[in-house]
Amino acid sequence: MNVLNRLKNKLCIPETADLSLDDPALTAKRREVIQNKGFLHRIYTEWYGLLSVSVPSGPGEVLEVGSGGGFMREFIPDLITSDVFPNHGVDMVMDACCQWPFDENQLKAVLMVDVLHHLPVARTFFREAEVAVRSNGVIAMVEPWVTPWSHFIYSRLHHEPFMPLTQEWTFPAKGPLSGADSALPWKIFYRDRRLFEKEFLKWDIATIQPFMPFSYLLSGGVSLRSFFPERLYGLVRQVEKWSGLEHRLAMFAYIVLRRK
């Protein structure tokens, strides 16, 4: 076992260390982790704030895909929450890569955090959303992003598969959380942007905002102990923004697609 693996084992949160990624019990434990780790909770608060602002006014419902252990309903009270398995606070069990249980134009927004890169057939997701989301509605998400810095982190220190060199937008379907390609959002919306725009004529890529090169690492995420206390969150975010490196070293991106 190398030094990095030994360090990760020492820093693991004991309550989640022995649970499978695809065990619903892990999602419940991660809900507690997010609520109890102040620095991490601030990150999710910032993400949810971005996503809630993207929701257009007017008719239609708002769906969160992959609600997991999050708390987006605190920002959007009438939110429809969903996940691939039953769990506390989930209104609907649905697979986003299968036929959606919504009428045409029923939704005005589909929101998600760290979900797209877990969808083994992303094209099906976009086609289903194309039907369910009304004109001028949105898909808004926060997803992993590829930069030289994040490439190092995702390829060496992260447990999820990371495949920036593969041409496909698909990957082998495993469990709902263990199956992944952290490079998928970058491949679809940056590397293969022209292909996406050609295939999905009803979607405009309205926003791609790379951000947060260090914050999530310092929080320890949902698996490791936090390195920084909550009171330093604002300072860390200011340093990231003022350094001028946020875009070039980003680990995540805020992405908004608008339905024509």
C-alpha atoms as a PDB file:
ATOM      1  CA  MET A   1       0.000   0.000   0.000  1.00  0.00           C
ATOM      2  CA  ASN A   2       1.501   3.366  -1.008  1.00  0.00           C
ATOM      3  CA  VAL A   3       1.757   6.455   1.165  1.00  0.00           C
ATOM      4  CA  LEU A   4      -1.322   8.136  -0.338  1.00  0.00           C
ATOM      5  CA  ASN A   5      -3.514   5.107   0.299  1.00  0.00           C
ATOM      6  CA  ARG A   6      -2.306   4.854   3.885  1.00  0.00           C
ATOM      7  CA  LEU A   7      -3.041   8.535   4.409  1.00  0.00           C
ATOM      8  CA  LYS A   8      -6.526   8.207   2.907  1.00  0.00           C
ATOM      9  CA  ASN A   9      -7.274   5.255   5.189  1.00  0.00           C
ATOM     10  CA  LYS A  10      -6.304   7.291   8.249  1.00  0.00           C
ATOM     11  CA  LEU A  11      -8.450  10.217   7.175  1.00  0.00           C
ATOM     12  CA  CYS A  12     -11.558   8.203   6.249  1.00  0.00           C
ATOM     13  CA  ILE A  13     -14.767   8.907   8.136  1.00  0.00           C
ATOM     14  CA  PRO A  14     -15.295   5.636  10.088  1.00  0.00           C
ATOM     15  CA  GLU A  15     -19.098   5.628   9.721  1.00  0.00           C
ATOM     16  CA  THR A  16     -18.869   5.402   5.923  1.00  0.00           C
ATOM     17  CA  ALA A  17     -15.575   3.611   5.355  1.00  0.00           C
ATOM     18  CA  ASP A  18     -16.965   0.054   5.246  1.00  0.00           C
ATOM     19  CA  LEU A  19     -20.147   0.739   3.262  1.00  0.00           C
ATOM     20  CA  SER A  20     -20.459  -0.031  -0.444  1.00  0.00           C
ATOM     21  CA  LEU A  21     -20.876   2.955  -2.761  1.00  0.00           C
ATOM     22  CA  ASP A  22     -24.143   1.431  -3.983  1.00  0.00           C
ATOM     23  CA  ASP A  23     -25.579   0.782  -0.536  1.00  0.00           C
ATOM     24  CA  PRO A  24     -28.532   3.125   0.212  1.00  0.00           C
ATOM     25  CA  ALA A  25     -27.287   3.216   3.801  1.00  0.00           C
ATOM     26  CA  LEU A  26     -24.212   5.079   2.573  1.00  0.00           C
ATOM     27  CA  THR A  27     -26.395   7.833   1.136  1.00  0.00           C
ATOM     28  CA  ALA A  28     -28.111   8.208   4.505  1.00  0.00           C
ATOM     29  CA  LYS A  29     -24.753   8.418   6.290  1.00  0.00           C
ATOM     30  CA  ARG A  30     -23.492  10.961   3.787  1.00  0.00           C
ATOM     31  CA  ARG A  31     -26.525  13.111   4.529  1.00  0.00           C
ATOM     32  CA  GLU A  32     -25.329  13.250   8.141  1.00  0.00           C
ATOM     33  CA  VAL A  33     -21.779  14.022   7.009  1.00  0.00           C
ATOM     34  CA  ILE A  34     -22.918  16.962   4.870  1.00  0.00           C
ATOM     35  CA  GLN A  35     -25.029  18.367   7.699  1.00  0.00           C
ATOM     36  CA  ASN A  36     -22.315  17.968  10.338  1.00  0.00           C
ATOM     37  CA  LYS A  37     -19.238  19.143   8.417  1.00  0.00           C
ATOM     38  CA  GLY A  38     -19.563  22.916   8.369  1.00  0.00           C
ATOM     39  CA  PHE A  39     -17.047  23.553   5.586  1.00  0.00           C
ATOM     40  CA  LEU A  40     -18.647  20.930   3.318  1.00  0.00           C
ATOM     41  CA  HIS A  41     -22.141  22.201   4.138  1.00  0.00           C
ATOM     42  CA  ARG A  42     -21.076  25.668   2.952  1.00  0.00           C
ATOM     43  CA  ILE A  43     -19.939  24.189  -0.366  1.00  0.00           C
ATOM     44  CA  TYR A  44     -23.306  22.554  -0.945  1.00  0.00           C
ATOM     45  CA  THR A  45     -25.019  25.784   0.080  1.00  0.00           C
ATOM     46  CA  GLU A  46     -23.071  27.653  -2.604  1.00  0.00           C
ATOM     47  CA  TRP A  47     -23.885  25.001  -5.210  1.00  0.00           C
ATOM     48  CA  TYR A  48     -27.590  25.004  -4.390  1.00  0.00           C
ATOM     49  CA  GLY A  49     -27.640  28.775  -4.499  1.00  0.00           C
ATOM     50  CA  LEU A  50     -26.277  28.729  -8.048  1.00  0.00           C
ATOM     51  CA  LEU A  51     -28.746  26.078  -9.159  1.00  0.00           C
ATOM     52  CA  SER A  52     -31.774  27.755  -7.600  1.00  0.00           C
ATOM     53  CA  VAL A  53     -30.970  31.054  -9.341  1.00  0.00           C
ATOM     54  CA  SER A  54     -30.972  29.241 -12.696  1.00  0.00           C
ATOM     55  CA  VAL A  55     -34.640  28.194 -12.363  1.00  0.00           C
ATOM     56  CA  PRO A  56     -36.779  30.304 -14.721  1.00  0.00           C
ATOM     57  CA  SER A  57     -39.995  31.976 -13.647  1.00  0.00           C
ATOM     58  CA  GLY A  58     -43.342  30.892 -14.989  1.00  0.00           C
ATOM     59  CA  PRO A  59     -45.196  27.581 -15.109  1.00  0.00           C
ATOM     60  CA  GLY A  60     -43.688  24.156 -14.598  1.00  0.00           C
ATOM     61  CA  GLU A  61     -42.276  21.960 -11.861  1.00  0.00           C
ATOM     62  CA  VAL A  62     -38.668  21.619 -10.728  1.00  0.00           C
ATOM     63  CA  LEU A  63     -37.063  18.177 -10.585  1.00  0.00           C
ATOM     64  CA  GLU A  64     -33.873  17.274  -8.768  1.00  0.00           C
ATOM     65  CA  VAL A  65     -32.189  14.170 -10.190  1.00  0.00           C
ATOM     66  CA  GLY A  66     -30.027  12.217  -7.744  1.00  0.00           C
ATOM     67  CA  SER A  67     -31.122  14.013  -4.592  1.00  0.00           C
ATOM     68  CA  GLY A  68     -29.071  11.639  -2.445  1.00  0.00           C
ATOM     69  CA  GLY A  69     -28.057  13.095   0.905  1.00  0.00           C
ATOM     70  CA  GLY A  70     -28.526  16.707  -0.100  1.00  0.00           C
ATOM     71  CA  PHE A  71     -30.792  19.523   1.070  1.00  0.00           C
ATOM     72  CA  MET A  72     -31.787  21.409  -2.092  1.00  0.00           C
ATOM     73  CA  ARG A  73     -35.398  21.555  -0.925  1.00  0.00           C
ATOM     74  CA  GLU A  74     -34.329  24.214   1.586  1.00  0.00           C
ATOM     75  CA  PHE A  75     -33.774  26.466  -1.439  1.00  0.00           C
ATOM     76  CA  ILE A  76     -36.755  25.303  -3.539  1.00  0.00           C
ATOM     77  CA  PRO A  77     -39.588  24.219  -1.214  1.00  0.00           C
ATOM     78  CA  ASP A  78     -41.809  22.678  -3.925  1.00  0.00           C
ATOM     79  CA  LEU A  79     -38.914  20.726  -5.439  1.00  0.00           C
ATOM     80  CA  ILE A  80     -39.575  17.164  -6.675  1.00  0.00           C
ATOM     81  CA  THR A  81     -36.702  15.067  -5.333  1.00  0.00           C
ATOM     82  CA  SER A  82     -35.679  11.797  -6.989  1.00  0.00           C
ATOM     83  CA  ASP A  83     -33.063   9.087  -6.808  1.00  0.00           C
ATOM     84  CA  VAL A  84     -32.392   5.614  -8.167  1.00  0.00           C
ATOM     85  CA  PHE A  85     -33.364   3.960  -4.880  1.00  0.00           C
ATOM     86  CA  PRO A  86     -35.749   4.821  -2.035  1.00  0.00           C
ATOM     87  CA  ASN A  87     -34.292   6.977   0.676  1.00  0.00           C
ATOM     88  CA  HIS A  88     -35.292   9.558   3.245  1.00  0.00           C
ATOM     89  CA  GLY A  89     -36.670  12.707   1.624  1.00  0.00           C
ATOM     90  CA  VAL A  90     -36.922  11.234  -1.875  1.00  0.00           C
ATOM     91  CA  ASP A  91     -40.293  11.800  -3.538  1.00  0.00           C
ATOM     92  CA  MET A  92     -39.742   9.608  -6.573  1.00  0.00           C
ATOM     93  CA  VAL A  93     -37.601   6.620  -7.513  1.00  0.00           C
ATOM     94  CA  MET A  94     -36.503   6.964 -11.138  1.00  0.00           C
ATOM     95  CA  ASP A  95     -33.637   6.038 -13.421  1.00  0.00           C
ATOM     96  CA  ALA A  96     -32.668   9.142 -15.397  1.00  0.00           C
ATOM     97  CA  CYS A  97     -31.434   6.933 -18.250  1.00  0.00           C
ATOM     98  CA  CYS A  98     -34.863   5.332 -18.755  1.00  0.00           C
ATOM     99  CA  GLN A  99     -38.246   6.721 -19.758  1.00  0.00           C
ATOM    100  CA  TRP A 100     -39.255   9.576 -17.468  1.00  0.00           C
ATOM    101  CA  PRO A 101     -42.627   9.591 -15.678  1.00  0.00           C
ATOM    102  CA  PHE A 102     -43.496  13.166 -16.714  1.00  0.00           C
ATOM    103  CA  ASP A 103     -45.822  14.694 -19.259  1.00  0.00           C
ATOM    104  CA  GLU A 104     -44.540  16.735 -22.154  1.00  0.00           C
ATOM    105  CA  ASN A 105     -43.458  20.230 -21.028  1.00  0.00           C
ATOM    106  CA  GLN A 106     -44.296  19.434 -17.380  1.00  0.00           C
ATOM    107  CA  LEU A 107     -40.960  20.657 -16.003  1.00  0.00           C
ATOM    108  CA  LYS A 108     -39.324  24.062 -16.082  1.00  0.00           C
ATOM    109  CA  ALA A 109     -36.025  22.897 -14.579  1.00  0.00           C
ATOM    110  CA  VAL A 110     -33.974  19.780 -13.958  1.00  0.00           C
ATOM    111  CA  LEU A 111     -31.283  20.289 -11.315  1.00  0.00           C
ATOM    112  CA  MET A 112     -28.491  17.978 -10.210  1.00  0.00           C
ATOM    113  CA  VAL A 113     -25.229  17.849  -8.290  1.00  0.00           C
ATOM    114  CA  ASP A 114     -22.588  15.279  -9.249  1.00  0.00           C
ATOM    115  CA  VAL A 115     -25.065  13.157 -11.199  1.00  0.00           C
ATOM    116  CA  LEU A 116     -24.409  13.388 -14.946  1.00  0.00           C
ATOM    117  CA  HIS A 117     -21.041  11.655 -14.676  1.00  0.00           C
ATOM    118  CA  HIS A 118     -22.814   8.660 -13.095  1.00  0.00           C
ATOM    119  CA  LEU A 119     -25.229   8.205 -16.039  1.00  0.00           C
ATOM    120  CA  PRO A 120     -23.953   5.391 -18.279  1.00  0.00           C
ATOM    121  CA  VAL A 121     -26.173   6.476 -21.201  1.00  0.00           C
ATOM    122  CA  ALA A 122     -26.133  10.274 -21.104  1.00  0.00           C
ATOM    123  CA  ARG A 123     -27.809  10.640 -24.500  1.00  0.00           C
ATOM    124  CA  THR A 124     -30.982   9.011 -23.168  1.00  0.00           C
ATOM    125  CA  PHE A 125     -31.042  11.495 -20.299  1.00  0.00           C
ATOM    126  CA  PHE A 126     -30.881  14.476 -22.657  1.00  0.00           C
ATOM    127  CA  ARG A 127     -33.575  13.050 -24.940  1.00  0.00           C
ATOM    128  CA  GLU A 128     -35.964  12.411 -22.047  1.00  0.00           C
ATOM    129  CA  ALA A 129     -35.337  15.885 -20.656  1.00  0.00           C
ATOM    130  CA  GLU A 130     -35.985  17.321 -24.113  1.00  0.00           C
ATOM    131  CA  VAL A 131     -39.556  16.044 -23.891  1.00  0.00           C
ATOM    132  CA  ALA A 132     -40.280  16.803 -20.236  1.00  0.00           C
ATOM    133  CA  VAL A 133     -38.762  20.304 -20.034  1.00  0.00           C
ATOM    134  CA  ARG A 134     -40.754  23.184 -21.504  1.00  0.00           C
ATOM    135  CA  SER A 135     -39.487  25.890 -23.827  1.00  0.00           C
ATOM    136  CA  ASN A 136     -37.042  28.222 -22.025  1.00  0.00           C
ATOM    137  CA  GLY A 137     -36.664  25.669 -19.245  1.00  0.00           C
ATOM    138  CA  VAL A 138     -33.239  24.535 -18.062  1.00  0.00           C
ATOM    139  CA  ILE A 139     -31.020  21.685 -17.047  1.00  0.00           C
ATOM    140  CA  ALA A 140     -28.597  23.077 -14.456  1.00  0.00           C
ATOM    141  CA  MET A 141     -25.853  21.074 -12.796  1.00  0.00           C
ATOM    142  CA  VAL A 142     -22.611  21.131 -10.835  1.00  0.00           C
ATOM    143  CA  GLU A 143     -20.224  18.480 -12.154  1.00  0.00           C
ATOM    144  CA  PRO A 144     -16.542  17.521 -12.105  1.00  0.00           C
ATOM    145  CA  TRP A 145     -14.434  19.400 -14.671  1.00  0.00           C
ATOM    146  CA  VAL A 146     -11.120  18.693 -16.359  1.00  0.00           C
ATOM    147  CA  THR A 147      -8.143  21.017 -15.914  1.00  0.00           C
ATOM    148  CA  PRO A 148      -4.453  20.135 -15.444  1.00  0.00           C
ATOM    149  CA  TRP A 149      -4.942  20.302 -11.665  1.00  0.00           C
ATOM    150  CA  SER A 150      -8.177  18.313 -11.538  1.00  0.00           C
ATOM    151  CA  HIS A 151      -6.691  15.753 -13.942  1.00  0.00           C
ATOM    152  CA  PHE A 152      -4.006  15.038 -11.357  1.00  0.00           C
ATOM    153  CA  ILE A 153      -6.531  14.789  -8.506  1.00  0.00           C
ATOM    154  CA  TYR A 154      -9.187  12.730 -10.293  1.00  0.00           C
ATOM    155  CA  SER A 155      -6.729  10.319 -11.877  1.00  0.00           C
ATOM    156  CA  ARG A 156      -4.613   9.688  -8.771  1.00  0.00           C
ATOM    157  CA  LEU A 157      -6.530  10.528  -5.601  1.00  0.00           C
ATOM    158  CA  HIS A 158     -10.190   9.957  -6.404  1.00  0.00           C
ATOM    159  CA  HIS A 159     -12.030   6.640  -6.233  1.00  0.00           C
ATOM    160  CA  GLU A 160     -14.260   7.179  -9.292  1.00  0.00           C
ATOM    161  CA  PRO A 161     -13.194   6.171 -12.821  1.00  0.00           C
ATOM    162  CA  PHE A 162     -11.771   9.079 -14.814  1.00  0.00           C
ATOM    163  CA  MET A 163     -11.519   8.570 -18.586  1.00  0.00           C
ATOM    164  CA  PRO A 164     -10.794  11.845 -20.425  1.00  0.00           C
ATOM    165  CA  LEU A 165      -9.139  10.089 -23.386  1.00  0.00           C
ATOM    166  CA  THR A 166     -11.998   7.777 -24.345  1.00  0.00           C
ATOM    167  CA  GLN A 167     -14.205   8.924 -27.209  1.00  0.00           C
ATOM    168  CA  GLU A 168     -17.446   7.487 -25.866  1.00  0.00           C
ATOM    169  CA  TRP A 169     -20.056   9.225 -23.739  1.00  0.00           C
ATOM    170  CA  THR A 170     -20.906   5.872 -22.217  1.00  0.00           C
ATOM    171  CA  PHE A 171     -19.293   3.545 -19.702  1.00  0.00           C
ATOM    172  CA  PRO A 172     -20.095   0.087 -18.309  1.00  0.00           C
ATOM    173  CA  ALA A 173     -23.206   0.173 -16.138  1.00  0.00           C
ATOM    174  CA  LYS A 174     -22.324  -0.974 -12.630  1.00  0.00           C
ATOM    175  CA  GLY A 175     -24.047   0.215  -9.496  1.00  0.00           C
ATOM    176  CA  PRO A 176     -25.784   3.621  -9.410  1.00  0.00           C
ATOM    177  CA  LEU A 177     -22.832   5.270  -7.666  1.00  0.00           C
ATOM    178  CA  SER A 178     -19.893   2.981  -8.434  1.00  0.00           C
ATOM    179  CA  GLY A 179     -20.382   3.351 -12.186  1.00  0.00           C
ATOM    180  CA  ALA A 180     -18.946   6.677 -13.334  1.00  0.00           C
ATOM    181  CA  ASP A 181     -16.659   8.701 -15.565  1.00  0.00           C
ATOM    182  CA  SER A 182     -15.673  11.938 -13.850  1.00  0.00           C
ATOM    183  CA  ALA A 183     -14.489  13.333 -17.188  1.00  0.00           C
ATOM    184  CA  LEU A 184     -17.876  12.864 -18.880  1.00  0.00           C
ATOM    185  CA  PRO A 185     -19.283  16.416 -18.414  1.00  0.00           C
ATOM    186  CA  TRP A 186     -16.075  17.948 -19.782  1.00  0.00           C
ATOM    187  CA  LYS A 187     -16.113  15.572 -22.762  1.00  0.00           C
ATOM    188  CA  ILE A 188     -19.722  16.369 -23.631  1.00  0.00           C
ATOM    189  CA  PHE A 189     -19.768  20.141 -23.102  1.00  0.00           C
ATOM    190  CA  TYR A 190     -16.190  21.140 -23.900  1.00  0.00           C
ATOM    191  CA  ARG A 191     -14.251  18.605 -25.934  1.00  0.00           C
ATOM    192  CA  ASP A 192     -17.284  17.426 -27.929  1.00  0.00           C
ATOM    193  CA  ARG A 193     -19.367  20.596 -27.708  1.00  0.00           C
ATOM    194  CA  ARG A 194     -19.982  20.770 -31.461  1.00  0.00           C
ATOM    195  CA  LEU A 195     -21.180  17.166 -31.472  1.00  0.00           C
ATOM    196  CA  PHE A 196     -23.569  17.862 -28.597  1.00  0.00           C
ATOM    197  CA  GLU A 197     -24.960  20.933 -30.357  1.00  0.00           C
ATOM    198  CA  LYS A 198     -25.416  18.944 -33.558  1.00  0.00           C
ATOM    199  CA  GLU A 199     -27.190  16.028 -31.872  1.00  0.00           C
ATOM    200  CA  PHE A 200     -29.334  18.022 -29.427  1.00  0.00           C
ATOM    201  CA  LEU A 201     -30.639  20.932 -31.447  1.00  0.00           C
ATOM    202  CA  LYS A 202     -33.224  21.872 -28.807  1.00  0.00           C
ATOM    203  CA  TRP A 203     -30.607  22.648 -26.146  1.00  0.00           C
ATOM    204  CA  ASP A 204     -28.423  25.744 -25.911  1.00  0.00           C
ATOM    205  CA  ILE A 205     -25.322  25.577 -23.718  1.00  0.00           C
ATOM    206  CA  ALA A 206     -26.006  28.823 -21.849  1.00  0.00           C
ATOM    207  CA  THR A 207     -23.369  28.675 -19.078  1.00  0.00           C
ATOM    208  CA  ILE A 208     -20.122  26.861 -18.366  1.00  0.00           C
ATOM    209  CA  GLN A 209     -18.462  28.282 -15.268  1.00  0.00           C
ATOM    210  CA  PRO A 210     -15.436  26.301 -14.013  1.00  0.00           C
ATOM    211  CA  PHE A 211     -14.718  26.937 -10.333  1.00  0.00           C
ATOM    212  CA  MET A 212     -13.537  25.611  -6.954  1.00  0.00           C
ATOM    213  CA  PRO A 213     -10.014  24.258  -7.426  1.00  0.00           C
ATOM    214  CA  PHE A 214      -9.285  23.613  -3.731  1.00  0.00           C
ATOM    215  CA  SER A 215     -12.391  24.038  -1.543  1.00  0.00           C
ATOM    216  CA  TYR A 216     -13.797  20.556  -1.950  1.00  0.00           C
ATOM    217  CA  LEU A 217     -10.422  18.960  -1.245  1.00  0.00           C
ATOM    218  CA  LEU A 218     -10.042  21.017   1.926  1.00  0.00           C
ATOM    219  CA  SER A 219     -13.522  19.989   3.059  1.00  0.00           C
ATOM    220  CA  GLY A 220     -12.594  16.311   2.859  1.00  0.00           C
ATOM    221  CA  GLY A 221     -15.737  15.703   0.819  1.00  0.00           C
ATOM    222  CA  VAL A 222     -18.195  13.064   1.983  1.00  0.00           C
ATOM    223  CA  SER A 223     -15.527  10.426   2.653  1.00  0.00           C
ATOM    224  CA  LEU A 224     -12.668  12.100   4.534  1.00  0.00           C
ATOM    225  CA  ARG A 225     -12.331  14.255   7.621  1.00  0.00           C
ATOM    226  CA  SER A 226     -12.312  17.994   6.991  1.00  0.00           C
ATOM    227  CA  PHE A 227      -8.968  19.786   6.825  1.00  0.00           C
ATOM    228  CA  PHE A 228     -10.391  23.262   7.465  1.00  0.00           C
ATOM    229  CA  PRO A 229     -13.013  24.605   9.897  1.00  0.00           C
ATOM    230  CA  GLU A 230     -16.181  26.277   8.627  1.00  0.00           C
ATOM    231  CA  ARG A 231     -15.064  29.752   9.714  1.00  0.00           C
ATOM    232  CA  LEU A 232     -12.350  29.746   7.030  1.00  0.00           C
ATOM    233  CA  TYR A 233     -14.689  28.938   4.138  1.00  0.00           C
ATOM    234  CA  GLY A 234     -15.202  32.541   3.046  1.00  0.00           C
ATOM    235  CA  LEU A 235     -11.452  33.220   3.131  1.00  0.00           C
ATOM    236  CA  VAL A 236     -10.663  30.119   1.063  1.00  0.00           C
ATOM    237  CA  ARG A 237     -13.259  31.068  -1.563  1.00  0.00           C
ATOM    238  CA  GLN A 238     -11.894  34.622  -1.739  1.00  0.00           C
ATOM    239  CA  VAL A 239      -8.361  33.316  -2.262  1.00  0.00           C
ATOM    240  CA  GLU A 240      -9.583  30.988  -5.020  1.00  0.00           C
ATOM    241  CA  LYS A 241     -11.368  33.825  -6.821  1.00  0.00           C
ATOM    242  CA  TRP A 242      -8.733  36.521  -6.309  1.00  0.00           C
ATOM    243  CA  SER A 243      -5.839  34.279  -7.333  1.00  0.00           C
ATOM    244  CA  GLY A 244      -7.035  34.245 -10.942  1.00  0.00           C
ATOM    245  CA  LEU A 245      -6.545  30.491 -11.000  1.00  0.00           C
ATOM    246  CA  GLU A 246     -10.130  29.407 -10.321  1.00  0.00           C
ATOM    247  CA  HIS A 247     -10.988  28.885 -13.986  1.00  0.00           C
ATOM    248  CA  ARG A 248      -7.678  27.277 -15.010  1.00  0.00           C
ATOM    249  CA  LEU A 249      -7.414  24.910 -12.013  1.00  0.00           C
ATOM    250  CA  ALA A 250     -11.119  24.233 -11.428  1.00  0.00           C
ATOM    251  CA  MET A 251     -12.259  20.850 -10.180  1.00  0.00           C
ATOM    252  CA  PHE A 252     -15.941  21.545 -10.859  1.00  0.00           C
ATOM    253  CA  ALA A 253     -18.116  23.460 -13.298  1.00  0.00           C
ATOM    254  CA  TYR A 254     -21.538  25.047 -13.037  1.00  0.00           C
ATOM    255  CA  ILE A 255     -23.335  24.231 -16.289  1.00  0.00           C
ATOM    256  CA  VAL A 256     -26.695  25.447 -17.564  1.00  0.00           C
ATOM    257  CA  LEU A 257     -28.493  24.191 -20.669  1.00  0.00           C
ATOM    258  CA  ARG A 258     -31.518  26.133 -21.898  1.00  0.00           C
ATOM    259  CA  ARG A 259     -34.365  24.517 -23.829  1.00  0.00           C
ATOM    260  CA  LYS A 260     -35.107  26.355 -27.066  1.00  0.00           C
END
